[in-house]
Protein backbone atom coordinates (compact mmCIF):
# COMPACT_ATOMS: atom_id res chain seq x y z
CA MET A 1 6.74 1.04 5.44
CA THR A 2 6.74 3.80 8.07
CA VAL A 3 9.64 2.14 9.89
CA ILE A 4 11.61 1.56 6.68
CA ILE A 5 11.17 5.15 5.44
CA ALA A 6 12.17 6.55 8.84
CA GLY A 7 15.38 4.52 8.68
CA CYS A 8 16.28 5.47 5.12
CA PRO A 9 19.03 7.97 6.16
CA LEU A 10 20.85 5.05 7.76
CA GLN A 11 20.62 3.18 4.49
CA PHE A 12 22.08 6.17 2.63
CA VAL A 13 25.15 5.98 4.88
CA ALA A 14 25.40 2.19 4.97
CA PHE A 15 25.12 1.62 1.22
CA GLY A 16 25.93 5.00 -0.30
CA MET A 17 29.16 5.73 1.55
CA ASN A 18 30.17 2.10 1.24
CA ASN A 19 31.03 2.88 -2.38
CA PHE A 20 33.66 5.39 -1.24
CA ILE A 21 35.38 2.69 0.82
CA ARG A 22 35.65 0.50 -2.27
CA THR A 23 36.90 3.42 -4.37
CA ALA A 24 39.53 4.22 -1.72
CA GLY A 25 41.08 0.80 -2.38
CA HIS A 26 39.52 -1.23 0.45
CA PRO A 27 37.08 -3.62 -1.26
CA ASN A 28 37.31 -6.18 1.56
CA ARG A 29 36.26 -3.57 4.11
CA ALA A 30 33.37 -2.55 1.85
CA LEU A 31 32.31 -6.19 1.55
CA GLY A 32 32.61 -6.59 5.32
CA SER A 33 30.19 -3.76 5.99
CA MET A 34 27.65 -5.38 3.68
CA LEU A 35 28.08 -8.77 5.34
CA VAL A 36 27.68 -7.25 8.82
CA GLY A 37 24.35 -5.69 7.81
CA THR A 38 23.11 -8.83 6.05
CA GLY A 39 24.03 -11.09 8.97
CA ALA A 40 22.43 -8.71 11.47
CA ASN A 41 19.25 -8.57 9.38
CA ILE A 42 18.93 -12.37 9.45
CA VAL A 43 19.53 -12.66 13.20
CA LEU A 44 17.38 -9.65 14.15
CA GLY A 45 14.66 -10.74 11.74
CA TYR A 46 14.36 -14.06 13.55
CA LEU A 47 14.42 -12.29 16.93
CA PHE A 48 11.84 -9.61 16.13
CA ILE A 49 9.50 -11.66 13.92
CA ILE A 50 9.60 -15.16 15.46
CA VAL A 51 10.74 -14.73 19.06
CA LEU A 52 9.06 -11.39 19.84
CA ASP A 53 6.15 -11.94 17.40
CA GLY A 54 6.66 -8.50 15.86
CA GLY A 55 5.13 -9.31 12.46
CA MET A 56 5.76 -6.86 9.63
CA MET A 57 6.72 -4.13 12.09
CA GLY A 58 9.38 -6.48 13.48
CA ALA A 59 10.68 -7.12 9.97
CA GLY A 60 11.00 -3.37 9.40
CA LEU A 61 12.78 -2.84 12.71
CA ALA A 62 15.21 -5.68 11.94
CA THR A 63 16.06 -4.08 8.61
CA VAL A 64 16.56 -0.59 10.05
CA CYS A 65 18.71 -1.92 12.92
CA SER A 66 20.88 -3.80 10.43
CA TRP A 67 21.30 -0.57 8.43
CA ALA A 68 22.34 1.20 11.62
CA LEU A 69 24.99 -1.42 12.34
CA SER A 70 26.34 -1.20 8.79
CA ALA A 71 26.34 2.61 9.01
CA VAL A 72 28.44 2.50 12.20
CA PHE A 73 30.84 0.09 10.51
CA VAL A 74 31.11 2.38 7.46
CA MET A 75 31.55 5.63 9.40
CA GLN A 76 34.27 4.13 11.56
CA PHE A 77 36.37 3.83 8.39
CA PHE A 78 36.12 7.56 7.66
CA LEU A 79 36.50 8.80 11.24
CA LYS A 80 39.41 6.63 12.40
CA LYS A 81 42.93 8.02 12.64
CA GLY A 82 44.94 7.36 9.50
CA SER A 83 41.89 6.91 7.25
CA PRO A 84 42.84 7.18 3.54
CA MET A 85 39.70 9.31 3.08
CA PRO A 86 39.24 11.17 6.40
CA LEU A 87 35.91 12.87 7.01
CA ARG A 88 36.63 16.20 8.69
CA ARG A 89 34.56 19.35 9.24
CA GLU A 90 36.44 21.29 6.57
CA ALA A 91 35.50 18.61 4.02
CA LEU A 92 31.77 19.10 4.56
CA GLY A 93 31.46 22.36 2.62
CA ILE A 94 29.62 22.10 -0.71
CA LYS A 95 31.40 22.93 -3.96
CA TRP A 96 28.40 23.42 -6.20
CA ARG A 97 30.18 22.67 -9.46
CA VAL A 98 31.36 19.32 -8.12
CA ALA A 99 28.00 18.61 -6.48
CA LEU A 100 26.10 19.22 -9.72
CA ARG A 101 28.52 16.99 -11.60
CA ILE A 102 27.97 14.23 -9.06
CA CYS A 103 24.21 14.62 -9.41
CA ALA A 104 24.49 14.40 -13.21
CA LEU A 105 26.44 11.14 -12.94
CA GLY A 106 23.91 9.83 -10.46
CA VAL A 107 21.01 10.25 -12.87
CA ALA A 108 21.63 6.90 -14.61
CA PRO A 109 21.45 4.68 -11.49
CA SER A 110 18.52 6.76 -10.20
CA VAL A 111 16.66 6.23 -13.46
CA MET A 112 17.39 2.52 -13.24
CA GLU A 113 15.79 2.30 -9.80
CA LEU A 114 12.84 4.42 -10.96
CA GLY A 115 12.50 2.21 -14.02
CA PHE A 116 12.37 -0.90 -11.83
CA ALA A 117 9.59 0.63 -9.75
CA VAL A 118 7.50 1.80 -12.71
CA SER A 119 7.92 -1.41 -14.72
CA ASN A 120 7.12 -3.57 -11.67
CA MET A 121 3.97 -1.55 -11.03
CA ILE A 122 2.82 -2.03 -14.64
CA MET A 123 3.82 -5.69 -14.63
CA ASN A 124 1.88 -6.43 -11.43
CA ASN A 125 -1.27 -4.78 -12.78
CA LEU A 126 -0.99 -6.71 -16.06
CA LEU A 127 -0.45 -9.96 -14.15
CA LEU A 128 -3.60 -9.32 -12.15
CA SER A 129 -5.59 -8.60 -15.31
CA TYR A 130 -4.34 -11.43 -17.54
CA GLY A 131 -3.91 -13.84 -14.63
CA ALA A 132 -7.62 -13.59 -13.86
CA ALA A 133 -8.38 -14.86 -17.37
CA ASP A 134 -5.81 -17.68 -17.15
CA PRO A 135 -6.13 -21.07 -15.41
CA LEU A 136 -3.19 -20.02 -13.20
CA GLY A 137 -5.24 -17.20 -11.65
CA SER A 138 -4.12 -13.77 -10.43
CA ASP A 139 -2.58 -15.08 -7.21
CA GLY A 140 -0.68 -17.73 -9.14
CA ALA A 141 0.60 -15.20 -11.67
CA LEU A 142 1.91 -12.92 -8.91
CA ALA A 143 3.48 -15.87 -7.06
CA VAL A 144 5.26 -17.03 -10.22
CA MET A 145 6.52 -13.51 -10.89
CA ARG A 146 7.95 -13.32 -7.38
CA VAL A 147 10.05 -16.41 -8.13
CA LEU A 148 11.16 -15.03 -11.50
CA SER A 149 12.27 -11.73 -9.97
CA ALA A 150 14.26 -13.45 -7.22
CA VAL A 151 16.00 -15.93 -9.54
CA GLY A 152 16.60 -13.22 -12.14
CA MET A 153 18.24 -10.96 -9.55
CA PHE A 154 20.36 -13.87 -8.32
CA THR A 155 21.51 -14.52 -11.90
CA ILE A 156 22.48 -10.96 -12.83
CA MET A 157 23.92 -9.92 -9.45
CA PRO A 158 27.47 -11.06 -10.39
CA SER A 159 27.40 -8.82 -13.47
CA MET A 160 26.14 -5.88 -11.41
CA GLY A 161 28.98 -6.47 -8.94
CA ILE A 162 31.53 -6.58 -11.76
CA ALA A 163 30.12 -3.35 -13.21
CA MET A 164 30.44 -1.62 -9.82
CA GLY A 165 33.97 -2.97 -9.32
CA ALA A 166 35.10 -1.92 -12.80
CA GLN A 167 33.71 1.61 -12.50
CA PRO A 168 36.50 3.20 -10.39
CA ILE A 169 39.18 1.41 -12.45
CA ILE A 170 37.73 2.68 -15.74
CA GLY A 171 37.18 6.16 -14.31
CA TYR A 172 40.72 6.40 -12.91
CA ASN A 173 42.35 5.29 -16.17
CA TYR A 174 40.10 7.60 -18.19
CA GLY A 175 41.37 10.53 -16.13
CA ALA A 176 44.96 9.26 -16.50
CA ARG A 177 44.37 8.86 -20.26
CA LYS A 178 45.34 5.18 -20.12
CA PHE A 179 42.87 4.15 -22.79
CA GLY A 180 44.35 0.71 -23.33
CA ARG A 181 43.73 -0.19 -19.69
CA MET A 182 40.17 1.09 -19.99
CA LYS A 183 39.48 -1.17 -22.95
CA ARG A 184 41.05 -4.17 -21.21
CA THR A 185 38.99 -3.55 -18.07
CA LEU A 186 35.78 -3.25 -20.07
CA GLY A 187 36.49 -6.33 -22.18
CA GLN A 188 37.60 -8.49 -19.27
CA GLY A 189 34.63 -7.33 -17.18
CA ILE A 190 32.14 -8.32 -19.89
CA LEU A 191 33.84 -11.69 -20.46
CA LEU A 192 33.92 -12.41 -16.73
CA GLY A 193 30.25 -11.44 -16.39
CA ILE A 194 29.30 -13.80 -19.22
CA ALA A 195 31.50 -16.59 -17.81
CA ILE A 196 29.74 -16.39 -14.43
CA THR A 197 26.24 -15.92 -15.84
CA VAL A 198 26.30 -18.82 -18.32
CA PRO A 199 26.65 -21.61 -15.68
CA LEU A 200 23.84 -20.02 -13.66
CA TRP A 201 21.79 -19.83 -16.85
CA PHE A 202 22.37 -23.55 -17.47
CA THR A 203 20.94 -24.38 -14.05
CA VAL A 204 17.81 -22.38 -14.91
CA LEU A 205 17.56 -23.96 -18.36
CA PHE A 206 18.00 -27.58 -17.27
CA LEU A 207 16.84 -27.48 -13.62
CA PRO A 208 13.93 -25.02 -13.52
CA ASP A 209 11.99 -27.37 -11.24
CA MET A 210 14.70 -26.98 -8.61
CA TYR A 211 14.13 -23.22 -8.38
CA ALA A 212 10.36 -23.65 -8.44
CA HIS A 213 10.53 -25.95 -5.40
CA LEU A 214 12.86 -23.64 -3.47
CA PHE A 215 10.08 -21.09 -2.93
CA SER A 216 7.54 -23.54 -1.46
CA LEU A 217 4.94 -22.80 -4.12
CA PRO A 218 1.75 -24.83 -4.27
CA GLU A 219 2.00 -27.90 -6.50
CA ALA A 220 -0.43 -26.35 -9.00
CA TYR A 221 2.04 -23.51 -9.75
CA LEU A 222 5.22 -25.55 -10.25
CA ASP A 223 4.88 -26.41 -13.96
CA ALA A 224 3.96 -22.83 -14.86
CA THR A 225 6.91 -21.52 -12.82
CA ALA A 226 9.38 -23.86 -14.53
CA TRP A 227 8.19 -22.75 -17.99
CA ALA A 228 8.15 -19.09 -17.01
CA LEU A 229 11.72 -19.26 -15.64
CA ILE A 230 13.06 -20.41 -19.00
CA ALA A 231 11.06 -17.78 -20.92
CA TYR A 232 12.03 -15.00 -18.49
CA LEU A 233 15.77 -15.77 -18.47
CA VAL A 234 16.35 -17.35 -21.90
CA PHE A 235 18.61 -14.49 -23.09
CA ILE A 236 20.25 -13.72 -19.72
CA PRO A 237 23.80 -14.68 -20.91
CA ILE A 238 23.96 -11.52 -23.06
CA LEU A 239 22.81 -9.22 -20.28
CA PRO A 240 26.33 -8.61 -18.84
CA VAL A 241 27.10 -6.74 -22.07
CA ALA A 242 24.20 -4.36 -21.43
CA LEU A 243 24.83 -3.93 -17.69
CA ILE A 244 28.61 -3.49 -17.78
CA GLY A 245 28.56 -1.59 -21.07
CA ALA A 246 26.01 0.95 -19.84
CA ASN A 247 27.94 1.37 -16.58
CA TYR A 248 31.09 2.14 -18.61
CA PHE A 249 29.55 5.39 -19.86
CA ASP A 250 28.71 6.43 -16.31
CA ALA A 251 32.30 5.68 -15.25
CA THR A 252 33.71 7.89 -18.01
CA GLY A 253 31.46 10.84 -17.18
CA GLN A 254 29.15 10.39 -20.19
CA ALA A 255 26.04 10.82 -18.09
CA LEU A 256 23.64 11.46 -20.99
CA LYS A 257 24.57 8.22 -22.76
CA ALA A 258 24.46 6.23 -19.52
CA THR A 259 21.02 7.60 -18.70
CA LEU A 260 19.71 6.92 -22.21
CA LEU A 261 20.93 3.31 -22.15
CA THR A 262 19.42 2.77 -18.71
CA LEU A 263 16.12 4.28 -19.86
CA THR A 264 15.94 2.00 -22.90
CA ARG A 265 16.17 -1.22 -20.90
CA GLN A 266 13.84 -0.30 -18.05
CA ILE A 267 11.36 2.08 -19.67
CA LEU A 268 11.67 2.90 -23.38
CA PHE A 269 11.90 -0.71 -24.56
CA PHE A 270 10.56 -2.81 -21.69
CA ILE A 271 7.26 -1.04 -20.96
CA PRO A 272 6.05 -0.90 -24.61
CA LEU A 273 7.04 -4.56 -25.06
CA LEU A 274 5.21 -5.42 -21.86
CA LEU A 275 2.04 -3.71 -23.05
CA ALA A 276 2.21 -5.08 -26.60
CA SER A 277 3.27 -8.68 -25.92
CA PRO A 278 -0.12 -10.07 -24.77
CA HIS A 279 -1.74 -8.72 -27.94
CA VAL A 280 0.96 -9.77 -30.43
CA LEU A 281 2.93 -12.81 -29.23
CA PRO A 282 -0.02 -15.24 -28.82
CA HIS A 283 -0.69 -14.80 -32.57
CA VAL A 284 2.87 -15.69 -33.63
CA LEU A 285 4.07 -18.03 -30.85
CA PRO A 286 2.37 -20.90 -29.00
CA MET A 287 1.80 -19.04 -25.73
CA THR A 288 -1.03 -17.48 -23.78
CA PRO A 289 -1.28 -13.72 -23.09
CA LEU A 290 -0.10 -14.37 -19.52
CA GLN A 291 2.90 -16.39 -20.71
CA SER A 292 3.80 -13.59 -23.12
CA LEU A 293 4.20 -11.26 -20.13
CA PHE A 294 6.86 -13.59 -18.71
CA PHE A 295 8.65 -13.55 -22.09
CA ALA A 296 8.60 -9.76 -22.59
CA PRO A 297 11.68 -9.08 -20.39
CA SER A 298 13.74 -11.40 -22.61
CA LEU A 299 12.79 -9.34 -25.67
CA SER A 300 13.84 -6.20 -23.80
CA ASP A 301 17.19 -7.83 -22.97
CA ILE A 302 17.89 -8.37 -26.68
CA THR A 303 16.95 -4.89 -27.85
CA SER A 304 18.77 -3.08 -25.05
CA THR A 305 21.92 -5.19 -25.50
CA LEU A 306 22.01 -4.46 -29.24
CA LEU A 307 21.77 -0.73 -28.49
CA VAL A 308 24.59 -0.90 -25.92
CA VAL A 309 26.77 -2.81 -28.40
CA SER A 310 26.24 -0.11 -31.03
CA PHE A 311 27.18 2.60 -28.51
CA LEU A 312 30.29 0.64 -27.47
CA ALA A 313 31.35 0.18 -31.10
CA VAL A 314 31.31 3.96 -31.61
CA GLU A 315 33.11 4.46 -28.28
CA TRP A 316 35.78 1.90 -29.23
CA ARG A 317 36.61 3.86 -32.38
CA ARG A 318 36.77 7.07 -30.34
CA LEU A 319 39.22 5.49 -27.89
CA ARG A 320 41.42 4.30 -30.75
CA LYS A 321 41.61 7.84 -32.07
CA LEU A 322 42.47 9.15 -28.60
CA GLU A 323 45.17 6.49 -28.23
CA ALA A 324 46.66 7.43 -31.59
CA ARG A 325 46.59 11.11 -30.65
CA GLU A 326 48.26 10.41 -27.30
CA GLY A 327 50.91 8.31 -29.00
CA LEU A 328 51.62 11.07 -31.54
CA ALA A 329 51.85 13.70 -28.78
CA GLY A 330 54.23 11.48 -26.83
CA ALA A 331 56.44 10.96 -29.86
CA GLU A 332 56.57 14.70 -30.55
CA SER A 333 57.48 15.53 -26.95
CA ALA A 334 60.20 12.86 -26.95
CA SER A 335 61.74 14.28 -30.12
């Protein structure tokens, strides 16, 4: 952890400034910087951990070195001659009004990361407590949860990528008052997210044993993992609506709404459901208190998606009014 924290500034450059490359219209270059870091992490991880027997310290060094390589790759884009977004000394002064606006828009993703940390902390403690009273045991409960988190992240990553890719398009057209393009981008993004997620969901639904075996779990944990995967991801096809919809409000500068929607999924809905599920669900559904913990995230997916849909319905009507107003203003100026 000491090595990772010391290298965090490199991560800020490698991942944070990577977004500016994508926004400047060079998504392939942005992808390349990510691939360079990922590839370096794999190679250096093998070198430091296996060849040099560096253990956890070696793993940390491999990660930090890969961040450094990505950071060099990213900074070269901004410092090269002819860069579409050149980084020069005169550009480094702070305009406080702009800086505060940026910070306001960054609250939503920050809250999301904070929510992940807090909910994971609570989940792990509950797994230890209820796992001890279950035949699976505490170690088994934590091992199963590790698989669920990895497969869940793999399943929703495409939607997160679509949300990030749609953000500059929605933001640009919002500033240009091209509301029709905004609505098309949002609708197509959600449909694409669902179209990619559903086939992945089918593999989880019909081949849960395949994922359970991928993580080299002990034989005693495989059946529990297969059941938990289905319970944990049963409503994952609707999640692109929540992810891309909430990101829309961040893209249009509606930071308060974006933060509220992010809070509901990670904290306001999920944590109470997590705490209540072991006491309520075993009385209404055929599951143990430990199994109810694996099902709680699915309940949070439903409630948060319904809230995002209600926000989007109100926003859709607002955009229609803005379109009508723009059309009327255009007609008056033409006459």
